[in-house]
Amino acid sequence: QVQLVESGGGLVQAGGSLRLSCEASGRTSSSTAMGWFRQAPGKERDFVAAITLSGGRTYYADSVKGRFTISRYNAKNTVFLQMNSLKPEDTAIYYCAATTKYYYMRTDSYDSWGQGTQVTVSS
C-alpha cells in the first residue's frame, strides 16, 4: 500500500508550463515504477508517462513526447512531471500512480493512485 499526494496543477495558457509533483509514502519499497495518467471529462484514464524507480528509465505516451518530462527524486520518494508547450487538449485531471509490476504503460498495472490534480490549459 502506497499513499500518493499530488500537487502542482492549475490553470495555464496554451504554450505555458506546469510542473506536477507526487510524493509517495507507505510501503514504497516494492514499487518498480511511478507514473502519471490523465483523465478528461467523459474519457478514459490514459497513460501519460512513467519512470522506473531503480534506473530512472522513462516512458511516454506519444501525445506528450517532446513536451513532457518525468523525473524522480528518490530520496523523497517523489516524481515530477514537467509539462511544457501545453495544449488545451492536455486539460484533464492528472493522477500519480505507483506500480509493483513491470508493465509501466498499462493503467491496470498500477496498484496505488493519488487523488488527482486538475490541469486546465486555456487558449
N, C-alpha and C. Protein backbone atom coordinates (compact mmCIF):
# COMPACT_ATOMS: atom_id res chain seq x y z
N GLN A 1 0.83 -1.18 0.00
CA GLN A 1 0.00 0.00 0.00
C GLN A 1 0.88 1.25 0.00
N VAL A 2 0.66 2.08 -0.98
CA VAL A 2 1.40 3.32 -1.13
C VAL A 2 0.42 4.47 -1.12
N GLN A 3 0.76 5.49 -0.38
CA GLN A 3 -0.03 6.71 -0.38
C GLN A 3 0.66 7.73 -1.28
N LEU A 4 -0.12 8.38 -2.10
CA LEU A 4 0.42 9.32 -3.07
C LEU A 4 -0.28 10.65 -2.92
N VAL A 5 0.51 11.70 -2.86
CA VAL A 5 -0.01 13.05 -2.74
C VAL A 5 0.50 13.87 -3.89
N GLU A 6 -0.42 14.40 -4.67
CA GLU A 6 -0.08 15.16 -5.85
C GLU A 6 -0.25 16.65 -5.59
N SER A 7 0.49 17.43 -6.35
CA SER A 7 0.37 18.87 -6.28
C SER A 7 0.88 19.47 -7.58
N GLY A 8 0.58 20.72 -7.79
CA GLY A 8 1.14 21.45 -8.91
C GLY A 8 0.18 21.77 -10.03
N GLY A 9 -1.02 21.25 -9.96
CA GLY A 9 -1.98 21.55 -11.01
C GLY A 9 -2.43 22.99 -10.96
N GLY A 10 -3.09 23.39 -12.00
CA GLY A 10 -3.58 24.76 -12.06
C GLY A 10 -4.04 25.13 -13.44
N LEU A 11 -4.23 26.41 -13.62
CA LEU A 11 -4.68 26.97 -14.88
C LEU A 11 -3.51 27.65 -15.57
N VAL A 12 -3.32 27.33 -16.83
CA VAL A 12 -2.22 27.91 -17.59
C VAL A 12 -2.68 28.15 -19.02
N GLN A 13 -2.11 29.14 -19.65
CA GLN A 13 -2.42 29.41 -21.05
C GLN A 13 -1.71 28.42 -21.96
N ALA A 14 -2.28 28.21 -23.12
CA ALA A 14 -1.64 27.36 -24.11
C ALA A 14 -0.23 27.83 -24.39
N GLY A 15 0.68 26.88 -24.47
CA GLY A 15 2.08 27.19 -24.64
C GLY A 15 2.85 27.33 -23.36
N GLY A 16 2.15 27.39 -22.26
CA GLY A 16 2.78 27.54 -20.97
C GLY A 16 3.24 26.22 -20.38
N SER A 17 3.69 26.29 -19.14
CA SER A 17 4.26 25.14 -18.47
C SER A 17 3.72 24.98 -17.07
N LEU A 18 3.71 23.76 -16.62
CA LEU A 18 3.40 23.41 -15.25
C LEU A 18 4.29 22.26 -14.84
N ARG A 19 4.57 22.18 -13.56
CA ARG A 19 5.27 21.02 -13.02
C ARG A 19 4.43 20.38 -11.94
N LEU A 20 4.10 19.13 -12.15
CA LEU A 20 3.36 18.37 -11.17
C LEU A 20 4.32 17.59 -10.29
N SER A 21 3.95 17.45 -9.04
CA SER A 21 4.75 16.68 -8.09
C SER A 21 3.89 15.61 -7.47
N CYS A 22 4.52 14.51 -7.12
CA CYS A 22 3.84 13.42 -6.45
C CYS A 22 4.79 12.82 -5.44
N GLU A 23 4.41 12.88 -4.18
CA GLU A 23 5.21 12.29 -3.12
C GLU A 23 4.56 11.01 -2.63
N ALA A 24 5.34 9.96 -2.59
CA ALA A 24 4.85 8.66 -2.16
C ALA A 24 5.29 8.36 -0.74
N SER A 25 4.43 7.69 -0.02
CA SER A 25 4.75 7.25 1.33
C SER A 25 4.12 5.89 1.56
N GLY A 26 4.44 5.30 2.70
CA GLY A 26 3.93 3.98 2.99
C GLY A 26 4.88 2.91 2.49
N ARG A 27 4.32 1.86 1.96
CA ARG A 27 5.10 0.70 1.53
C ARG A 27 5.61 0.91 0.11
N THR A 28 6.61 1.75 0.00
CA THR A 28 7.15 2.11 -1.30
C THR A 28 8.27 1.20 -1.79
N SER A 29 8.80 0.36 -0.93
CA SER A 29 9.98 -0.42 -1.28
C SER A 29 9.74 -1.42 -2.39
N SER A 30 8.52 -1.84 -2.56
CA SER A 30 8.21 -2.82 -3.60
C SER A 30 7.84 -2.20 -4.94
N SER A 31 7.73 -0.90 -4.98
CA SER A 31 7.34 -0.23 -6.21
C SER A 31 8.46 -0.30 -7.23
N THR A 32 8.10 -0.64 -8.44
CA THR A 32 9.05 -0.68 -9.54
C THR A 32 9.07 0.61 -10.34
N ALA A 33 7.95 1.28 -10.37
CA ALA A 33 7.85 2.49 -11.17
C ALA A 33 6.72 3.35 -10.66
N MET A 34 6.80 4.60 -11.01
CA MET A 34 5.70 5.52 -10.78
C MET A 34 5.35 6.18 -12.10
N GLY A 35 4.10 6.51 -12.22
CA GLY A 35 3.65 7.06 -13.47
C GLY A 35 2.61 8.14 -13.29
N TRP A 36 2.34 8.79 -14.40
CA TRP A 36 1.30 9.80 -14.46
C TRP A 36 0.27 9.39 -15.49
N PHE A 37 -0.97 9.59 -15.13
CA PHE A 37 -2.09 9.33 -16.01
C PHE A 37 -2.99 10.55 -16.01
N ARG A 38 -3.84 10.65 -16.99
CA ARG A 38 -4.76 11.78 -17.02
C ARG A 38 -6.12 11.33 -17.53
N GLN A 39 -7.12 12.05 -17.09
CA GLN A 39 -8.48 11.73 -17.46
C GLN A 39 -9.24 13.02 -17.71
N ALA A 40 -9.68 13.19 -18.93
CA ALA A 40 -10.52 14.31 -19.30
C ALA A 40 -11.97 13.94 -19.09
N PRO A 41 -12.85 14.92 -18.94
CA PRO A 41 -14.26 14.61 -18.73
C PRO A 41 -14.82 13.72 -19.83
N GLY A 42 -15.50 12.66 -19.42
CA GLY A 42 -16.11 11.76 -20.37
C GLY A 42 -15.16 10.81 -21.07
N LYS A 43 -13.90 10.82 -20.70
CA LYS A 43 -12.92 9.96 -21.35
C LYS A 43 -12.29 9.00 -20.35
N GLU A 44 -11.63 8.01 -20.88
CA GLU A 44 -10.93 7.04 -20.05
C GLU A 44 -9.65 7.64 -19.49
N ARG A 45 -9.18 7.03 -18.43
CA ARG A 45 -7.91 7.43 -17.86
C ARG A 45 -6.78 6.88 -18.73
N ASP A 46 -5.93 7.77 -19.22
CA ASP A 46 -4.90 7.40 -20.16
C ASP A 46 -3.51 7.57 -19.58
N PHE A 47 -2.62 6.73 -20.04
CA PHE A 47 -1.22 6.81 -19.65
C PHE A 47 -0.58 8.07 -20.20
N VAL A 48 0.26 8.70 -19.40
CA VAL A 48 1.00 9.88 -19.81
C VAL A 48 2.50 9.61 -19.81
N ALA A 49 3.02 9.20 -18.67
CA ALA A 49 4.45 8.98 -18.53
C ALA A 49 4.72 8.10 -17.34
N ALA A 50 5.85 7.42 -17.36
CA ALA A 50 6.26 6.59 -16.24
C ALA A 50 7.77 6.62 -16.12
N ILE A 51 8.25 6.32 -14.93
CA ILE A 51 9.68 6.25 -14.69
C ILE A 51 9.96 5.11 -13.73
N THR A 52 10.96 4.31 -14.05
CA THR A 52 11.35 3.25 -13.14
C THR A 52 12.11 3.85 -11.98
N LEU A 53 11.89 3.31 -10.80
CA LEU A 53 12.46 3.90 -9.60
C LEU A 53 13.90 3.49 -9.38
N SER A 54 14.32 2.38 -9.95
CA SER A 54 15.69 1.93 -9.79
C SER A 54 16.64 2.58 -10.79
N GLY A 55 16.27 2.56 -12.05
CA GLY A 55 17.16 3.06 -13.07
C GLY A 55 16.77 4.38 -13.71
N GLY A 56 15.56 4.84 -13.44
CA GLY A 56 15.13 6.10 -14.00
C GLY A 56 14.80 6.05 -15.48
N ARG A 57 14.51 4.87 -15.98
CA ARG A 57 14.10 4.77 -17.38
C ARG A 57 12.71 5.36 -17.54
N THR A 58 12.52 6.09 -18.61
CA THR A 58 11.27 6.81 -18.80
C THR A 58 10.48 6.28 -19.97
N TYR A 59 9.19 6.45 -19.87
CA TYR A 59 8.25 6.02 -20.89
C TYR A 59 7.22 7.14 -21.06
N TYR A 60 6.82 7.37 -22.30
CA TYR A 60 5.89 8.45 -22.58
C TYR A 60 4.82 8.03 -23.56
N ALA A 61 3.65 8.58 -23.37
CA ALA A 61 2.63 8.47 -24.40
C ALA A 61 3.06 9.30 -25.60
N ASP A 62 2.67 8.85 -26.77
CA ASP A 62 3.04 9.58 -27.98
C ASP A 62 2.56 11.02 -27.96
N SER A 63 1.43 11.25 -27.34
CA SER A 63 0.83 12.57 -27.35
C SER A 63 1.62 13.61 -26.56
N VAL A 64 2.53 13.15 -25.69
CA VAL A 64 3.27 14.10 -24.86
C VAL A 64 4.77 14.05 -25.10
N LYS A 65 5.24 13.16 -25.93
CA LYS A 65 6.67 13.06 -26.20
C LYS A 65 7.21 14.38 -26.74
N GLY A 66 8.32 14.79 -26.19
CA GLY A 66 8.93 16.04 -26.59
C GLY A 66 8.42 17.24 -25.85
N ARG A 67 7.34 17.09 -25.12
CA ARG A 67 6.76 18.20 -24.37
C ARG A 67 6.80 17.97 -22.86
N PHE A 68 6.59 16.74 -22.45
CA PHE A 68 6.55 16.41 -21.03
C PHE A 68 7.81 15.65 -20.66
N THR A 69 8.25 15.85 -19.44
CA THR A 69 9.40 15.13 -18.91
C THR A 69 9.07 14.62 -17.51
N ILE A 70 9.24 13.33 -17.31
CA ILE A 70 9.06 12.76 -15.98
C ILE A 70 10.43 12.57 -15.35
N SER A 71 10.52 12.84 -14.08
CA SER A 71 11.77 12.67 -13.36
C SER A 71 11.47 12.19 -11.96
N ARG A 72 12.51 11.80 -11.26
CA ARG A 72 12.33 11.28 -9.92
C ARG A 72 13.35 11.87 -8.96
N TYR A 73 12.97 11.92 -7.70
CA TYR A 73 13.85 12.32 -6.62
C TYR A 73 13.65 11.24 -5.56
N ASN A 74 14.44 10.19 -5.66
CA ASN A 74 14.21 9.01 -4.85
C ASN A 74 14.36 9.25 -3.35
N ALA A 75 15.21 10.18 -2.98
CA ALA A 75 15.42 10.45 -1.56
C ALA A 75 14.14 10.92 -0.88
N LYS A 76 13.25 11.47 -1.65
CA LYS A 76 11.98 11.94 -1.12
C LYS A 76 10.81 11.13 -1.65
N ASN A 77 11.11 10.03 -2.34
CA ASN A 77 10.07 9.21 -2.95
C ASN A 77 9.11 10.06 -3.77
N THR A 78 9.69 10.91 -4.57
CA THR A 78 8.91 11.89 -5.30
C THR A 78 9.18 11.78 -6.79
N VAL A 79 8.13 11.94 -7.56
CA VAL A 79 8.26 12.04 -9.00
C VAL A 79 7.65 13.36 -9.45
N PHE A 80 8.16 13.84 -10.56
CA PHE A 80 7.71 15.09 -11.12
C PHE A 80 7.28 14.88 -12.56
N LEU A 81 6.39 15.71 -13.00
CA LEU A 81 6.03 15.76 -14.40
C LEU A 81 6.13 17.21 -14.86
N GLN A 82 7.18 17.49 -15.60
CA GLN A 82 7.35 18.81 -16.17
C GLN A 82 6.60 18.86 -17.49
N MET A 83 5.65 19.74 -17.58
CA MET A 83 4.80 19.84 -18.75
C MET A 83 5.05 21.17 -19.43
N ASN A 84 5.59 21.11 -20.62
CA ASN A 84 5.88 22.30 -21.41
C ASN A 84 5.02 22.30 -22.67
N SER A 85 4.95 23.46 -23.28
CA SER A 85 4.18 23.62 -24.52
C SER A 85 2.78 23.04 -24.38
N LEU A 86 2.14 23.39 -23.31
CA LEU A 86 0.84 22.81 -23.02
C LEU A 86 -0.20 23.23 -24.05
N LYS A 87 -1.08 22.31 -24.32
CA LYS A 87 -2.15 22.50 -25.28
C LYS A 87 -3.49 22.35 -24.58
N PRO A 88 -4.54 22.96 -25.12
CA PRO A 88 -5.86 22.78 -24.50
C PRO A 88 -6.25 21.32 -24.35
N GLU A 89 -5.83 20.47 -25.27
CA GLU A 89 -6.16 19.06 -25.17
C GLU A 89 -5.43 18.34 -24.04
N ASP A 90 -4.49 19.01 -23.40
CA ASP A 90 -3.86 18.45 -22.21
C ASP A 90 -4.71 18.64 -20.97
N THR A 91 -5.78 19.40 -21.08
CA THR A 91 -6.65 19.64 -19.95
C THR A 91 -7.24 18.33 -19.45
N ALA A 92 -7.04 18.06 -18.18
CA ALA A 92 -7.50 16.81 -17.59
C ALA A 92 -7.18 16.83 -16.11
N ILE A 93 -7.71 15.85 -15.41
CA ILE A 93 -7.24 15.57 -14.08
C ILE A 93 -6.04 14.63 -14.22
N TYR A 94 -4.95 15.00 -13.61
CA TYR A 94 -3.73 14.21 -13.69
C TYR A 94 -3.55 13.42 -12.41
N TYR A 95 -3.31 12.14 -12.56
CA TYR A 95 -3.18 11.24 -11.44
C TYR A 95 -1.77 10.65 -11.39
N CYS A 96 -1.22 10.61 -10.22
CA CYS A 96 0.02 9.91 -9.97
C CYS A 96 -0.30 8.49 -9.54
N ALA A 97 0.54 7.55 -9.92
CA ALA A 97 0.31 6.16 -9.58
C ALA A 97 1.63 5.45 -9.35
N ALA A 98 1.57 4.37 -8.60
CA ALA A 98 2.74 3.54 -8.33
C ALA A 98 2.40 2.10 -8.64
N THR A 99 3.38 1.39 -9.18
CA THR A 99 3.17 0.00 -9.54
C THR A 99 4.27 -0.88 -8.96
N THR A 100 3.92 -2.11 -8.68
CA THR A 100 4.88 -3.13 -8.30
C THR A 100 5.16 -4.07 -9.46
N LYS A 101 4.60 -3.80 -10.59
CA LYS A 101 4.70 -4.65 -11.76
C LYS A 101 5.66 -4.06 -12.77
N TYR A 102 5.64 -4.64 -13.98
CA TYR A 102 6.62 -4.26 -14.98
C TYR A 102 6.01 -3.86 -16.32
N TYR A 103 4.73 -3.60 -16.31
CA TYR A 103 4.06 -3.09 -17.49
C TYR A 103 3.72 -1.64 -17.24
N TYR A 104 4.69 -0.80 -17.47
CA TYR A 104 4.66 0.57 -16.97
C TYR A 104 3.68 1.47 -17.69
N MET A 105 3.23 1.08 -18.84
CA MET A 105 2.34 1.92 -19.62
C MET A 105 0.88 1.49 -19.52
N ARG A 106 0.61 0.51 -18.69
CA ARG A 106 -0.74 -0.03 -18.56
C ARG A 106 -1.40 0.49 -17.29
N THR A 107 -2.55 1.07 -17.44
CA THR A 107 -3.29 1.59 -16.30
C THR A 107 -3.56 0.50 -15.27
N ASP A 108 -3.93 -0.68 -15.75
CA ASP A 108 -4.29 -1.75 -14.83
C ASP A 108 -3.10 -2.40 -14.15
N SER A 109 -1.89 -1.96 -14.46
CA SER A 109 -0.71 -2.46 -13.78
C SER A 109 -0.40 -1.71 -12.49
N TYR A 110 -1.05 -0.61 -12.27
CA TYR A 110 -0.72 0.24 -11.15
C TYR A 110 -1.57 -0.11 -9.93
N ASP A 111 -0.91 -0.11 -8.79
CA ASP A 111 -1.51 -0.58 -7.54
C ASP A 111 -2.06 0.54 -6.68
N SER A 112 -1.46 1.70 -6.76
CA SER A 112 -1.83 2.81 -5.89
C SER A 112 -2.00 4.06 -6.72
N TRP A 113 -2.93 4.89 -6.29
CA TRP A 113 -3.27 6.09 -7.04
C TRP A 113 -3.41 7.29 -6.12
N GLY A 114 -3.02 8.43 -6.63
CA GLY A 114 -3.25 9.67 -5.93
C GLY A 114 -4.65 10.18 -6.16
N GLN A 115 -4.92 11.31 -5.57
CA GLN A 115 -6.26 11.89 -5.62
C GLN A 115 -6.54 12.64 -6.90
N GLY A 116 -5.51 12.97 -7.64
CA GLY A 116 -5.65 13.72 -8.86
C GLY A 116 -5.48 15.21 -8.64
N THR A 117 -4.94 15.87 -9.63
CA THR A 117 -4.81 17.31 -9.61
C THR A 117 -5.23 17.86 -10.96
N GLN A 118 -6.02 18.91 -10.93
CA GLN A 118 -6.59 19.45 -12.16
C GLN A 118 -5.58 20.30 -12.90
N VAL A 119 -5.45 20.02 -14.18
CA VAL A 119 -4.67 20.85 -15.09
C VAL A 119 -5.61 21.38 -16.15
N THR A 120 -5.69 22.68 -16.25
CA THR A 120 -6.54 23.31 -17.24
C THR A 120 -5.69 24.22 -18.11
N VAL A 121 -5.76 24.00 -19.41
CA VAL A 121 -4.99 24.78 -20.37
C VAL A 121 -5.97 25.58 -21.21
N SER A 122 -5.87 26.86 -21.14
CA SER A 122 -6.77 27.74 -21.87
C SER A 122 -6.11 28.23 -23.15
N SER A 123 -6.94 28.62 -24.09
CA SER A 123 -6.46 29.16 -25.35
C SER A 123 -6.83 30.61 -25.52
